[in-house]
Structures are given as C-alpha cells and as structure tokens.
C-alpha atoms as a PDB file:
ATOM      1  CA  MET A   1     -22.741  -0.806  27.483  1.00  0.00           C
ATOM      2  CA  TRP A   2     -24.414   0.636  24.313  1.00  0.00           C
ATOM      3  CA  LYS A   3     -26.940  -1.808  22.700  1.00  0.00           C
ATOM      4  CA  VAL A   4     -28.205  -2.195  19.138  1.00  0.00           C
ATOM      5  CA  PHE A   5     -32.227  -1.753  19.697  1.00  0.00           C
ATOM      6  CA  ARG A   6     -34.685  -3.723  17.403  1.00  0.00           C
ATOM      7  CA  GLY A   7     -37.426  -1.156  17.836  1.00  0.00           C
ATOM      8  CA  LYS A   8     -37.530   2.416  16.466  1.00  0.00           C
ATOM      9  CA  CYS A   9     -34.127   4.190  15.746  1.00  0.00           C
ATOM     10  CA  GLY A  10     -32.494   5.524  18.543  1.00  0.00           C
ATOM     11  CA  MET A  11     -30.924   9.025  19.226  1.00  0.00           C
ATOM     12  CA  HIS A  12     -28.916   9.804  22.266  1.00  0.00           C
ATOM     13  CA  ALA A  13     -26.093  11.351  23.753  1.00  0.00           C
ATOM     14  CA  LEU A  14     -23.802   9.008  25.612  1.00  0.00           C
ATOM     15  CA  PRO A  15     -21.305   9.882  28.502  1.00  0.00           C
ATOM     16  CA  GLY A  16     -18.169  11.277  27.408  1.00  0.00           C
ATOM     17  CA  ASP A  17     -19.334  13.670  24.607  1.00  0.00           C
ATOM     18  CA  LEU A  18     -20.404  10.638  22.407  1.00  0.00           C
ATOM     19  CA  TRP A  19     -23.531  11.256  20.408  1.00  0.00           C
ATOM     20  CA  ARG A  20     -25.129   8.121  18.466  1.00  0.00           C
ATOM     21  CA  MET A  21     -27.862   7.383  16.225  1.00  0.00           C
ATOM     22  CA  THR A  22     -28.964   3.967  15.072  1.00  0.00           C
ATOM     23  CA  LEU A  23     -31.001   3.898  11.794  1.00  0.00           C
ATOM     24  CA  ARG A  24     -32.451   1.302   9.371  1.00  0.00           C
ATOM     25  CA  SER A  25     -33.810   3.569   6.798  1.00  0.00           C
ATOM     26  CA  LYS A  26     -33.297   7.040   4.837  1.00  0.00           C
ATOM     27  CA  ALA A  27     -36.854   8.151   6.110  1.00  0.00           C
ATOM     28  CA  GLU A  28     -35.477   7.610   9.592  1.00  0.00           C
ATOM     29  CA  PHE A  29     -32.421   9.519   8.693  1.00  0.00           C
ATOM     30  CA  ASP A  30     -34.412  12.355   6.930  1.00  0.00           C
ATOM     31  CA  THR A  31     -36.851  12.704  10.086  1.00  0.00           C
ATOM     32  CA  LEU A  32     -34.265  12.921  12.643  1.00  0.00           C
ATOM     33  CA  GLY A  33     -32.065  15.271  10.746  1.00  0.00           C
ATOM     34  CA  GLN A  34     -35.054  17.629  10.300  1.00  0.00           C
ATOM     35  CA  ALA A  35     -35.601  17.271  14.111  1.00  0.00           C
ATOM     36  CA  ASN A  36     -32.225  18.063  15.130  1.00  0.00           C
ATOM     37  CA  ALA A  37     -31.538  20.839  12.107  1.00  0.00           C
ATOM     38  CA  GLU A  38     -30.034  23.567  14.707  1.00  0.00           C
ATOM     39  CA  LEU A  39     -27.743  20.842  16.382  1.00  0.00           C
ATOM     40  CA  LEU A  40     -26.591  19.538  12.970  1.00  0.00           C
ATOM     41  CA  ALA A  41     -25.955  23.174  11.586  1.00  0.00           C
ATOM     42  CA  LYS A  42     -23.768  24.037  14.729  1.00  0.00           C
ATOM     43  CA  ARG A  43     -21.723  21.110  13.923  1.00  0.00           C
ATOM     44  CA  ARG A  44     -21.173  22.060  10.406  1.00  0.00           C
ATOM     45  CA  ALA A  45     -20.346  25.508  11.441  1.00  0.00           C
ATOM     46  CA  PHE A  46     -17.717  24.285  13.793  1.00  0.00           C
ATOM     47  CA  GLU A  47     -16.156  22.078  11.132  1.00  0.00           C
ATOM     48  CA  ALA A  48     -16.137  25.144   8.675  1.00  0.00           C
ATOM     49  CA  THR A  49     -14.488  27.274  11.163  1.00  0.00           C
ATOM     50  CA  LEU A  50     -11.706  24.487  11.483  1.00  0.00           C
ATOM     51  CA  SER A  51     -11.272  24.446   7.575  1.00  0.00           C
ATOM     52  CA  ARG A  52     -11.104  28.029   7.240  1.00  0.00           C
ATOM     53  CA  ALA A  53      -8.354  28.663   9.921  1.00  0.00           C
ATOM     54  CA  LEU A  54      -6.301  25.818   8.365  1.00  0.00           C
ATOM     55  CA  PRO A  55      -3.492  27.472   6.042  1.00  0.00           C
ATOM     56  CA  GLU A  56      -3.016  25.738   2.602  1.00  0.00           C
ATOM     57  CA  GLY A  57      -0.303  23.097   2.887  1.00  0.00           C
ATOM     58  CA  GLN A  58      -0.402  23.101   6.716  1.00  0.00           C
ATOM     59  CA  SER A  59      -1.735  20.760   9.300  1.00  0.00           C
ATOM     60  CA  ALA A  60      -3.532  21.341  12.502  1.00  0.00           C
ATOM     61  CA  LYS A  61      -4.395  19.632  15.867  1.00  0.00           C
ATOM     62  CA  LEU A  62      -7.339  18.880  17.368  1.00  0.00           C
ATOM     63  CA  PRO A  63      -7.127  17.918  21.158  1.00  0.00           C
ATOM     64  CA  GLY A  64      -9.113  14.823  22.156  1.00  0.00           C
ATOM     65  CA  TYR A  65      -9.125  11.366  23.446  1.00  0.00           C
ATOM     66  CA  CYS A  66      -8.254   8.213  21.472  1.00  0.00           C
ATOM     67  CA  ALA A  67     -10.801   5.213  22.454  1.00  0.00           C
ATOM     68  CA  VAL A  68      -8.073   2.953  20.655  1.00  0.00           C
ATOM     69  CA  CYS A  69      -4.893   4.283  22.697  1.00  0.00           C
ATOM     70  CA  ALA A  70      -7.190   4.856  25.728  1.00  0.00           C
ATOM     71  CA  ARG A  71      -5.263   8.347  26.150  1.00  0.00           C
ATOM     72  CA  ASP A  72      -5.237  11.707  25.502  1.00  0.00           C
ATOM     73  CA  THR A  73      -3.834  12.909  22.115  1.00  0.00           C
ATOM     74  CA  ASP A  74      -4.079  15.371  19.306  1.00  0.00           C
ATOM     75  CA  PHE A  75      -5.875  14.464  16.068  1.00  0.00           C
ATOM     76  CA  VAL A  76      -4.022  15.926  13.106  1.00  0.00           C
ATOM     77  CA  TYR A  77      -5.845  16.983  10.058  1.00  0.00           C
ATOM     78  CA  ASP A  78      -4.814  18.667   6.790  1.00  0.00           C
ATOM     79  CA  HIS A  79      -6.137  19.332   3.164  1.00  0.00           C
ATOM     80  CA  CYS A  80      -5.020  15.656   1.859  1.00  0.00           C
ATOM     81  CA  TYR A  81      -7.612  13.872  -0.057  1.00  0.00           C
ATOM     82  CA  ALA A  82     -10.023  16.730   0.289  1.00  0.00           C
ATOM     83  CA  ALA A  83     -11.244  19.464  -2.414  1.00  0.00           C
ATOM     84  CA  ALA A  84      -9.648  22.684  -2.272  1.00  0.00           C
ATOM     85  CA  GLY A  85      -9.893  24.415   0.858  1.00  0.00           C
ATOM     86  CA  GLY A  86     -11.598  21.635   2.299  1.00  0.00           C
ATOM     87  CA  VAL A  87     -10.753  18.853   4.808  1.00  0.00           C
ATOM     88  CA  ASN A  88     -11.615  15.200   4.357  1.00  0.00           C
ATOM     89  CA  TRP A  89     -12.599  14.564   8.071  1.00  0.00           C
ATOM     90  CA  ARG A  90     -13.385  10.892   7.506  1.00  0.00           C
ATOM     91  CA  GLU A  91      -9.967  10.211   6.399  1.00  0.00           C
ATOM     92  CA  ARG A  92      -7.913  12.269   8.470  1.00  0.00           C
ATOM     93  CA  LEU A  93      -7.878  13.343  12.269  1.00  0.00           C
ATOM     94  CA  LEU A  94      -4.971  11.047  12.572  1.00  0.00           C
ATOM     95  CA  CYS A  95      -4.383  10.173  16.070  1.00  0.00           C
ATOM     96  CA  ALA A  96      -0.743  11.469  16.964  1.00  0.00           C
ATOM     97  CA  ASN A  97       0.002   8.282  18.960  1.00  0.00           C
ATOM     98  CA  CYS A  98      -1.371   5.260  17.080  1.00  0.00           C
ATOM     99  CA  GLY A  99      -1.797   7.011  13.648  1.00  0.00           C
ATOM    100  CA  LEU A 100      -5.394   5.651  13.032  1.00  0.00           C
ATOM    101  CA  ASN A 101      -7.886   8.220  11.188  1.00  0.00           C
ATOM    102  CA  ASN A 102     -11.300   9.063  12.045  1.00  0.00           C
ATOM    103  CA  ARG A 103     -13.135   5.959  10.668  1.00  0.00           C
ATOM    104  CA  GLN A 104     -10.784   3.516  11.730  1.00  0.00           C
ATOM    105  CA  ARG A 105     -10.570   4.702  15.198  1.00  0.00           C
ATOM    106  CA  LEU A 106     -14.474   4.839  15.344  1.00  0.00           C
ATOM    107  CA  ALA A 107     -14.955   1.444  14.006  1.00  0.00           C
ATOM    108  CA  LEU A 108     -12.600  -0.167  16.314  1.00  0.00           C
ATOM    109  CA  HIS A 109     -14.066   1.783  19.304  1.00  0.00           C
ATOM    110  CA  LEU A 110     -17.436   0.418  18.318  1.00  0.00           C
ATOM    111  CA  LEU A 111     -16.171  -3.134  18.330  1.00  0.00           C
ATOM    112  CA  SER A 112     -14.688  -2.788  21.855  1.00  0.00           C
ATOM    113  CA  GLN A 113     -18.109  -1.217  23.004  1.00  0.00           C
ATOM    114  CA  HIS A 114     -19.780  -4.687  21.953  1.00  0.00           C
ATOM    115  CA  GLY A 115     -17.081  -6.524  23.825  1.00  0.00           C
ATOM    116  CA  PRO A 116     -15.958  -9.471  21.933  1.00  0.00           C
ATOM    117  CA  ALA A 117     -14.079 -11.732  24.149  1.00  0.00           C
ATOM    118  CA  ASN A 118     -10.341 -12.841  23.632  1.00  0.00           C
ATOM    119  CA  ARG A 119     -11.792 -16.018  22.671  1.00  0.00           C
ATOM    120  CA  ALA A 120     -13.817 -14.521  19.834  1.00  0.00           C
ATOM    121  CA  GLN A 121     -12.784 -15.381  16.051  1.00  0.00           C
ATOM    122  CA  ILE A 122     -12.433 -12.446  14.135  1.00  0.00           C
ATOM    123  CA  TYR A 123     -11.577 -12.177  10.337  1.00  0.00           C
ATOM    124  CA  VAL A 124     -10.938  -8.482   8.936  1.00  0.00           C
ATOM    125  CA  THR A 125     -10.435  -8.125   5.152  1.00  0.00           C
ATOM    126  CA  GLU A 126      -7.153  -6.445   5.753  1.00  0.00           C
ATOM    127  CA  GLN A 127      -3.649  -7.561   6.984  1.00  0.00           C
ATOM    128  CA  THR A 128      -1.047  -4.906   6.314  1.00  0.00           C
ATOM    129  CA  THR A 129      -2.688  -1.781   7.507  1.00  0.00           C
ATOM    130  CA  GLN A 130      -2.435  -0.078  11.117  1.00  0.00           C
ATOM    131  CA  THR A 131      -5.990  -1.190  11.752  1.00  0.00           C
ATOM    132  CA  ALA A 132      -5.221  -4.823  11.432  1.00  0.00           C
ATOM    133  CA  GLN A 133      -2.114  -4.352  13.628  1.00  0.00           C
ATOM    134  CA  ALA A 134      -4.305  -2.703  16.322  1.00  0.00           C
ATOM    135  CA  LEU A 135      -6.789  -5.498  16.151  1.00  0.00           C
ATOM    136  CA  SER A 136      -4.067  -8.189  16.490  1.00  0.00           C
ATOM    137  CA  LYS A 137      -2.713  -6.352  19.492  1.00  0.00           C
ATOM    138  CA  ARG A 138      -6.169  -6.216  21.177  1.00  0.00           C
ATOM    139  CA  TYR A 139      -7.644  -9.653  20.148  1.00  0.00           C
ATOM    140  CA  LYS A 140      -5.990 -13.166  20.310  1.00  0.00           C
ATOM    141  CA  HIS A 141      -7.836 -14.748  17.388  1.00  0.00           C
ATOM    142  CA  VAL A 142      -7.538 -12.398  14.351  1.00  0.00           C
ATOM    143  CA  VAL A 143      -7.459 -13.578  10.577  1.00  0.00           C
ATOM    144  CA  GLY A 144      -6.395 -10.728   8.204  1.00  0.00           C
ATOM    145  CA  SER A 145      -6.169 -11.121   4.370  1.00  0.00           C
ATOM    146  CA  GLU A 146      -5.338  -9.012   1.438  1.00  0.00           C
ATOM    147  CA  TYR A 147      -6.510  -9.603  -2.437  1.00  0.00           C
ATOM    148  CA  LEU A 148      -3.264 -10.465  -3.933  1.00  0.00           C
ATOM    149  CA  GLY A 149      -4.657 -11.285  -7.629  1.00  0.00           C
ATOM    150  CA  PRO A 150      -6.685 -13.545  -9.781  1.00  0.00           C
ATOM    151  CA  LYS A 151      -4.050 -16.045  -9.889  1.00  0.00           C
ATOM    152  CA  TRP A 152      -3.780 -16.586  -6.240  1.00  0.00           C
ATOM    153  CA  GLN A 153      -6.116 -19.288  -4.401  1.00  0.00           C
ATOM    154  CA  GLY A 154      -7.766 -18.501  -1.100  1.00  0.00           C
ATOM    155  CA  GLY A 155      -5.774 -19.164   1.910  1.00  0.00           C
ATOM    156  CA  GLN A 156      -2.523 -19.172   0.009  1.00  0.00           C
ATOM    157  CA  TYR A 157       0.477 -16.855   1.654  1.00  0.00           C
ATOM    158  CA  ASN A 158       2.900 -14.953  -0.542  1.00  0.00           C
ATOM    159  CA  ALA A 159       6.770 -14.631   0.444  1.00  0.00           C
ATOM    160  CA  GLN A 160       5.628 -11.487   2.651  1.00  0.00           C
ATOM    161  CA  GLY A 161       3.463 -13.630   4.566  1.00  0.00           C
ATOM    162  CA  LEU A 162       0.401 -11.936   3.358  1.00  0.00           C
ATOM    163  CA  ARG A 163      -2.632 -14.366   2.997  1.00  0.00           C
ATOM    164  CA  HIS A 164      -4.780 -14.026  -0.148  1.00  0.00           C
ATOM    165  CA  GLU A 165      -8.648 -13.893   0.146  1.00  0.00           C
ATOM    166  CA  ASP A 166     -11.189 -13.124  -2.607  1.00  0.00           C
ATOM    167  CA  VAL A 167     -14.223 -11.650  -0.586  1.00  0.00           C
ATOM    168  CA  THR A 168     -16.551 -13.128  -3.100  1.00  0.00           C
ATOM    169  CA  ARG A 169     -15.012 -16.448  -2.667  1.00  0.00           C
ATOM    170  CA  LEU A 170     -13.527 -17.113   0.956  1.00  0.00           C
ATOM    171  CA  SER A 171     -11.758 -20.173   1.680  1.00  0.00           C
ATOM    172  CA  PHE A 172     -13.148 -20.363   5.292  1.00  0.00           C
ATOM    173  CA  SER A 173     -15.410 -22.822   6.886  1.00  0.00           C
ATOM    174  CA  PRO A 174     -19.089 -22.297   7.435  1.00  0.00           C
ATOM    175  CA  ASP A 175     -19.752 -20.692  10.604  1.00  0.00           C
ATOM    176  CA  GLN A 176     -16.156 -20.068  11.579  1.00  0.00           C
ATOM    177  CA  PHE A 177     -16.030 -16.544  12.945  1.00  0.00           C
ATOM    178  CA  ASP A 178     -17.847 -14.454  15.543  1.00  0.00           C
ATOM    179  CA  TRP A 179     -17.038 -11.206  13.828  1.00  0.00           C
ATOM    180  CA  VAL A 180     -16.281 -10.409  10.311  1.00  0.00           C
ATOM    181  CA  LEU A 181     -14.797  -6.799   9.762  1.00  0.00           C
ATOM    182  CA  SER A 182     -14.389  -4.844   6.489  1.00  0.00           C
ATOM    183  CA  PHE A 183     -13.119  -1.329   6.421  1.00  0.00           C
ATOM    184  CA  ASP A 184     -13.561   0.529   3.182  1.00  0.00           C
ATOM    185  CA  VAL A 185     -13.156  -2.679   0.983  1.00  0.00           C
ATOM    186  CA  LEU A 186     -16.722  -3.185  -0.443  1.00  0.00           C
ATOM    187  CA  GLU A 187     -16.658  -0.321  -2.938  1.00  0.00           C
ATOM    188  CA  HIS A 188     -13.757  -2.177  -4.662  1.00  0.00           C
ATOM    189  CA  VAL A 189     -15.560  -5.259  -5.383  1.00  0.00           C
ATOM    190  CA  PRO A 190     -17.624  -5.365  -8.308  1.00  0.00           C
ATOM    191  CA  ASP A 191     -19.979  -8.168  -7.216  1.00  0.00           C
ATOM    192  CA  TYR A 192     -20.388  -6.843  -3.802  1.00  0.00           C
ATOM    193  CA  ARG A 193     -23.610  -8.839  -3.031  1.00  0.00           C
ATOM    194  CA  ALA A 194     -21.683 -11.929  -3.422  1.00  0.00           C
ATOM    195  CA  ALA A 195     -19.153 -10.561  -1.060  1.00  0.00           C
ATOM    196  CA  LEU A 196     -22.333  -9.881   1.533  1.00  0.00           C
ATOM    197  CA  ARG A 197     -23.216 -13.634   0.973  1.00  0.00           C
ATOM    198  CA  GLU A 198     -19.803 -15.092   1.681  1.00  0.00           C
ATOM    199  CA  PHE A 199     -19.736 -12.797   4.854  1.00  0.00           C
ATOM    200  CA  LEU A 200     -23.038 -14.280   6.063  1.00  0.00           C
ATOM    201  CA  ARG A 201     -21.702 -17.825   5.285  1.00  0.00           C
ATOM    202  CA  VAL A 202     -18.550 -17.703   7.363  1.00  0.00           C
ATOM    203  CA  ILE A 203     -20.163 -15.811  10.486  1.00  0.00           C
ATOM    204  CA  LYS A 204     -21.334 -18.034  13.306  1.00  0.00           C
ATOM    205  CA  GLY A 205     -24.980 -17.795  14.516  1.00  0.00           C
ATOM    206  CA  ASN A 206     -25.447 -14.709  16.583  1.00  0.00           C
ATOM    207  CA  GLY A 207     -22.065 -13.345  15.060  1.00  0.00           C
ATOM    208  CA  ARG A 208     -21.846  -9.956  13.553  1.00  0.00           C
ATOM    209  CA  LEU A 209     -20.596  -7.779  10.524  1.00  0.00           C
ATOM    210  CA  LEU A 210     -19.124  -4.537  10.927  1.00  0.00           C
ATOM    211  CA  LEU A 211     -18.006  -2.555   7.923  1.00  0.00           C
ATOM    212  CA  THR A 212     -17.513   0.809   6.787  1.00  0.00           C
ATOM    213  CA  VAL A 213     -17.889   2.051   3.074  1.00  0.00           C
ATOM    214  CA  PRO A 214     -17.862   5.400   1.135  1.00  0.00           C
ATOM    215  CA  GLN A 215     -21.546   6.228   1.989  1.00  0.00           C
ATOM    216  CA  ASN A 216     -24.079   8.783   0.546  1.00  0.00           C
ATOM    217  CA  LEU A 217     -26.530   9.156   3.574  1.00  0.00           C
ATOM    218  CA  GLY A 218     -28.683  11.400   1.158  1.00  0.00           C
ATOM    219  CA  SER A 219     -29.167   8.424  -1.328  1.00  0.00           C
ATOM    220  CA  GLU A 220     -31.666   5.854  -1.275  1.00  0.00           C
ATOM    221  CA  LYS A 221     -29.888   3.871  -4.006  1.00  0.00           C
ATOM    222  CA  ASN A 222     -26.236   2.938  -4.426  1.00  0.00           C
ATOM    223  CA  ILE A 223     -24.195   4.817  -6.918  1.00  0.00           C
ATOM    224  CA  THR A 224     -22.342   2.959  -9.503  1.00  0.00           C
ATOM    225  CA  ARG A 225     -19.169   4.499 -10.725  1.00  0.00           C
ATOM    226  CA  ALA A 226     -17.815   1.646 -12.745  1.00  0.00           C
ATOM    227  CA  GLU A 227     -19.097  -1.815 -13.815  1.00  0.00           C
ATOM    228  CA  PHE A 228     -18.516  -4.818 -15.884  1.00  0.00           C
ATOM    229  CA  ASP A 229     -20.729  -5.698 -18.733  1.00  0.00           C
ATOM    230  CA  ASP A 230     -21.717  -9.413 -19.885  1.00  0.00           C
ATOM    231  CA  TYR A 231     -18.642  -9.600 -21.820  1.00  0.00           C
ATOM    232  CA  GLY A 232     -16.232  -8.847 -19.020  1.00  0.00           C
ATOM    233  CA  ARG A 233     -15.458  -5.102 -20.462  1.00  0.00           C
ATOM    234  CA  LEU A 234     -14.941  -2.495 -17.887  1.00  0.00           C
ATOM    235  CA  THR A 235     -17.458   0.617 -18.259  1.00  0.00           C
ATOM    236  CA  HIS A 236     -16.920   3.905 -16.253  1.00  0.00           C
ATOM    237  CA  ILE A 237     -20.128   5.500 -15.627  1.00  0.00           C
ATOM    238  CA  LEU A 238     -18.580   8.126 -13.579  1.00  0.00           C
ATOM    239  CA  PRO A 239     -14.985   9.496 -13.742  1.00  0.00           C
ATOM    240  CA  PRO A 240     -12.791   6.945 -12.517  1.00  0.00           C
ATOM    241  CA  GLU A 241     -11.800   7.266  -8.754  1.00  0.00           C
ATOM    242  CA  TYR A 242      -8.872   5.512  -7.086  1.00  0.00           C
ATOM    243  CA  HIS A 243      -8.172   4.908  -3.793  1.00  0.00           C
ATOM    244  CA  GLY A 244      -5.189   3.936  -1.799  1.00  0.00           C
ATOM    245  CA  ASP A 245      -4.101   0.193  -2.041  1.00  0.00           C
ATOM    246  CA  PRO A 246      -1.994  -1.164   0.838  1.00  0.00           C
ATOM    247  CA  VAL A 247      -0.591  -3.915  -1.502  1.00  0.00           C
ATOM    248  CA  ASN A 248      -0.127  -1.746  -4.531  1.00  0.00           C
ATOM    249  CA  PRO A 249       0.221   1.840  -3.546  1.00  0.00           C
ATOM    250  CA  GLU A 250       1.608   3.032  -6.572  1.00  0.00           C
ATOM    251  CA  LEU A 251      -1.317   1.916  -8.702  1.00  0.00           C
ATOM    252  CA  GLY A 252      -4.450   2.504  -6.224  1.00  0.00           C
ATOM    253  CA  ILE A 253      -7.485   0.611  -6.525  1.00  0.00           C
ATOM    254  CA  LEU A 254     -10.639   1.315  -8.372  1.00  0.00           C
ATOM    255  CA  CYS A 255     -13.982   2.388  -6.599  1.00  0.00           C
ATOM    256  CA  TYR A 256     -16.932   1.106  -8.119  1.00  0.00           C
ATOM    257  CA  TYR A 257     -19.429   2.162  -5.732  1.00  0.00           C
ATOM    258  CA  HIS A 258     -20.526   5.068  -3.650  1.00  0.00           C
ATOM    259  CA  PHE A 259     -23.160   3.226  -1.177  1.00  0.00           C
ATOM    260  CA  GLY A 260     -26.799   4.444  -0.425  1.00  0.00           C
ATOM    261  CA  TRP A 261     -29.264   2.998   2.149  1.00  0.00           C
ATOM    262  CA  GLU A 262     -29.746   0.256  -0.387  1.00  0.00           C
ATOM    263  CA  LEU A 263     -26.747  -1.624   1.421  1.00  0.00           C
ATOM    264  CA  LEU A 264     -29.097  -2.244   4.454  1.00  0.00           C
ATOM    265  CA  PRO A 265     -31.769  -4.245   2.283  1.00  0.00           C
ATOM    266  CA  ASP A 266     -28.999  -6.002   0.383  1.00  0.00           C
ATOM    267  CA  LEU A 267     -27.735  -7.184   3.773  1.00  0.00           C
ATOM    268  CA  ILE A 268     -31.058  -8.659   4.594  1.00  0.00           C
ATOM    269  CA  LYS A 269     -31.535 -10.243   1.273  1.00  0.00           C
ATOM    270  CA  ALA A 270     -27.976 -11.863   1.776  1.00  0.00           C
ATOM    271  CA  GLY A 271     -29.598 -13.498   4.809  1.00  0.00           C
ATOM    272  CA  PHE A 272     -28.624 -11.204   7.679  1.00  0.00           C
ATOM    273  CA  ASP A 273     -31.546 -10.924  10.203  1.00  0.00           C
ATOM    274  CA  ASP A 274     -30.888  -7.406  10.932  1.00  0.00           C
ATOM    275  CA  ALA A 275     -28.870  -4.358   9.161  1.00  0.00           C
ATOM    276  CA  LEU A 276     -28.562  -1.013  10.438  1.00  0.00           C
ATOM    277  CA  VAL A 277     -26.344   2.229  10.046  1.00  0.00           C
ATOM    278  CA  ILE A 278     -24.962   3.480  13.280  1.00  0.00           C
ATOM    279  CA  LEU A 279     -23.828   7.340  13.285  1.00  0.00           C
ATOM    280  CA  SER A 280     -21.609   8.995  15.509  1.00  0.00           C
ATOM    281  CA  TYR A 281     -20.448  12.292  16.585  1.00  0.00           C
ATOM    282  CA  SER A 282     -17.977  13.689  19.042  1.00  0.00           C
ATOM    283  CA  ARG A 283     -15.405  16.347  19.292  1.00  0.00           C
ATOM    284  CA  LYS A 284     -13.638  14.481  22.422  1.00  0.00           C
ATOM    285  CA  TYR A 285     -13.102  11.330  20.468  1.00  0.00           C
ATOM    286  CA  GLY A 286     -12.436  13.020  17.078  1.00  0.00           C
ATOM    287  CA  TYR A 287     -15.572  11.639  15.172  1.00  0.00           C
ATOM    288  CA  ILE A 288     -16.510  14.941  13.401  1.00  0.00           C
ATOM    289  CA  GLY A 289     -17.183  15.878   9.641  1.00  0.00           C
ATOM    290  CA  TYR A 290     -20.645  15.003   9.362  1.00  0.00           C
ATOM    291  CA  GLU A 291     -21.872  12.351  11.347  1.00  0.00           C
ATOM    292  CA  GLN A 292     -19.627   9.118  10.970  1.00  0.00           C
ATOM    293  CA  ALA A 293     -21.298   6.106   9.576  1.00  0.00           C
ATOM    294  CA  VAL A 294     -20.591   2.523  10.419  1.00  0.00           C
ATOM    295  CA  VAL A 295     -22.910  -0.367   9.166  1.00  0.00           C
ATOM    296  CA  MET A 296     -23.511  -3.601  11.313  1.00  0.00           C
ATOM    297  CA  ALA A 297     -25.322  -6.576  10.406  1.00  0.00           C
ATOM    298  CA  ILE A 298     -26.542  -9.297  12.618  1.00  0.00           C
ATOM    299  CA  LYS A 299     -26.761 -13.046  11.680  1.00  0.00           C
ATOM    300  CA  SER A 300     -29.575 -14.862  13.912  1.00  0.00           C
ATOM    301  CA  SER A 301     -28.724 -18.302  15.663  1.00  0.00           C
ATOM    302  CA  GLY A 302     -31.048 -19.871  13.114  1.00  0.00           C
ATOM    303  CA  SER A 303     -29.656 -18.505   9.859  1.00  0.00           C
ATOM    304  CA  ALA A 304     -28.673 -21.060   7.304  1.00  0.00           C
ATOM    305  CA  SER A 305     -25.049 -20.687   5.937  1.00  0.00           C
END
C-alpha cells in the first residue's frame, strides 16, 4: 500500500503503470520537474497527439482500467470545457461504465488506497453527484451535503432530501469524521480559510482531509478571481468564471480562486499537522493531461478542534 512519507518528497513508479509524486512546496515541484524534463515532455507530446487527432465536435476513447469500477473500460474525451482545439483532460476522460471523470476517479482511487474501513465516518461536500453516489455504494457511513442558500440552516433537508451545509459553518460536532472529502468546492467559497478551519474541527485526531481544487502548480500564490469588499460588494478582479452547479445547473457557480502552493501553508495555519500535494499520472488508469493533483492534509491525534 502506498504511504504518505514525512521526509523529502517522493517520486516513484507504482505497479500497474501508476506514477506518483508527493510534494510539499513549489521548490520541490520545480526541482523534480527539471530532473524529469524528458519524461514530462514525452507525456505532453502524447497528449498533444491525442488532441490533434480529435475532430471538432467529436469524441474519442482511450482504453484503460477504471480503479473505481475495478474493470477494463474506455475513457471518453472531447472538446467540452476546453479552449478551441484542446481537451480539458481533468474534467473529461469519463469512464464509459461509471461516468466519473479523471479527477473524480483519481480522488476515489487515492481514498481506497488509504483503506478507510467500512466503519469509517466520512463527510463529503456534495450529495447529488456521481462521486457522492459512488462513495455511498462503497462505504457504509457517508454523509453528503449541498449548499442550498443563505436562508437554510446547517443540517436542514429540503423536499428532495438534500442536506444543507455551509462549509464555513458546519453543523457537525467536533471530531466527528475520520475523513472529510471536498472535490472542486473550495474555489467557490469566498472565505475558504474558514472552511479549512471547519474541516479541521470536525475531523477526528489522526483523520484526514482529501480535496481537489483548480490548482496552478506554477504559482506560489493563490490567484484571486473575485472577492467581497468590507461593505459586502462583489468585485471581479479577473473576468468572471462560472463552473457547473449540481443544485442550480442553469445558473452555474462563481469561481473565486485558482489555488497555488499557498494552499498548503494555509492548511497548516488552520491547524493541520501535515499537508501535501499528491501528483499522479497513468495512461492505464486514465490520469493524463498534466500530472493530476490531489491535496491531502492530516490532523494529528493531539490537535485541538
């Protein structure tokens, strides 16, 4: 089983064509990138070849193995959510069986490799998605939620059975969960640091946070796209960017941040004992399109909630 190493960053090829790096700083990322420039260039060339061969308006399949389905499958990709002529590898490569995309499959694969037992208490910051459904099938004790709006109280359910939670003010008790999972949610939270503190509060000692966000690994600092001033007025620093919202798909949801390496010290300041970026790449498992990033933070047994 793969471990989180507390020493220097690790980079290794794993059985089954799964390549992984564990990093804690941009300096480590830059150093390892320079040391592996030839390998990374070959990967980019492979991805470019696939992109060029994809006709406009069409889709294509990359054969592989889905770690979530535990079966051979095809990963479907197209030009959706991408600049002209390109492929958004992170949001595509949909498993033809379970429908999960690249980043979703990778996050669940990582979770399974760390082996939370069926008795583990898991909170995931989504409820209506295929990811939430896959988690509920695999683990017995999963609580999911959606943000339903400012008029709702934490822990309330709407007529469709959706639980409301504001990740900056969770209704859960301290030390309630072994794992908190948050996949592409944090960028939509103006005060994301408050959410990090709340995640820490509800995680048990020796528990973990696993999250994905739009991440610019070439940037030390987070990139703020929009923010509220002291009077509650919204200011767009960069052109507005909206992502899909499972609760309000017609409207979408505003993106406030693209995250840099600053997110890791933010996690430490929130009270986590360790924080790292896990990079993975695999043609077999369909984790391509630059090295896919997942963030993990660990709460020590002695951390105060």
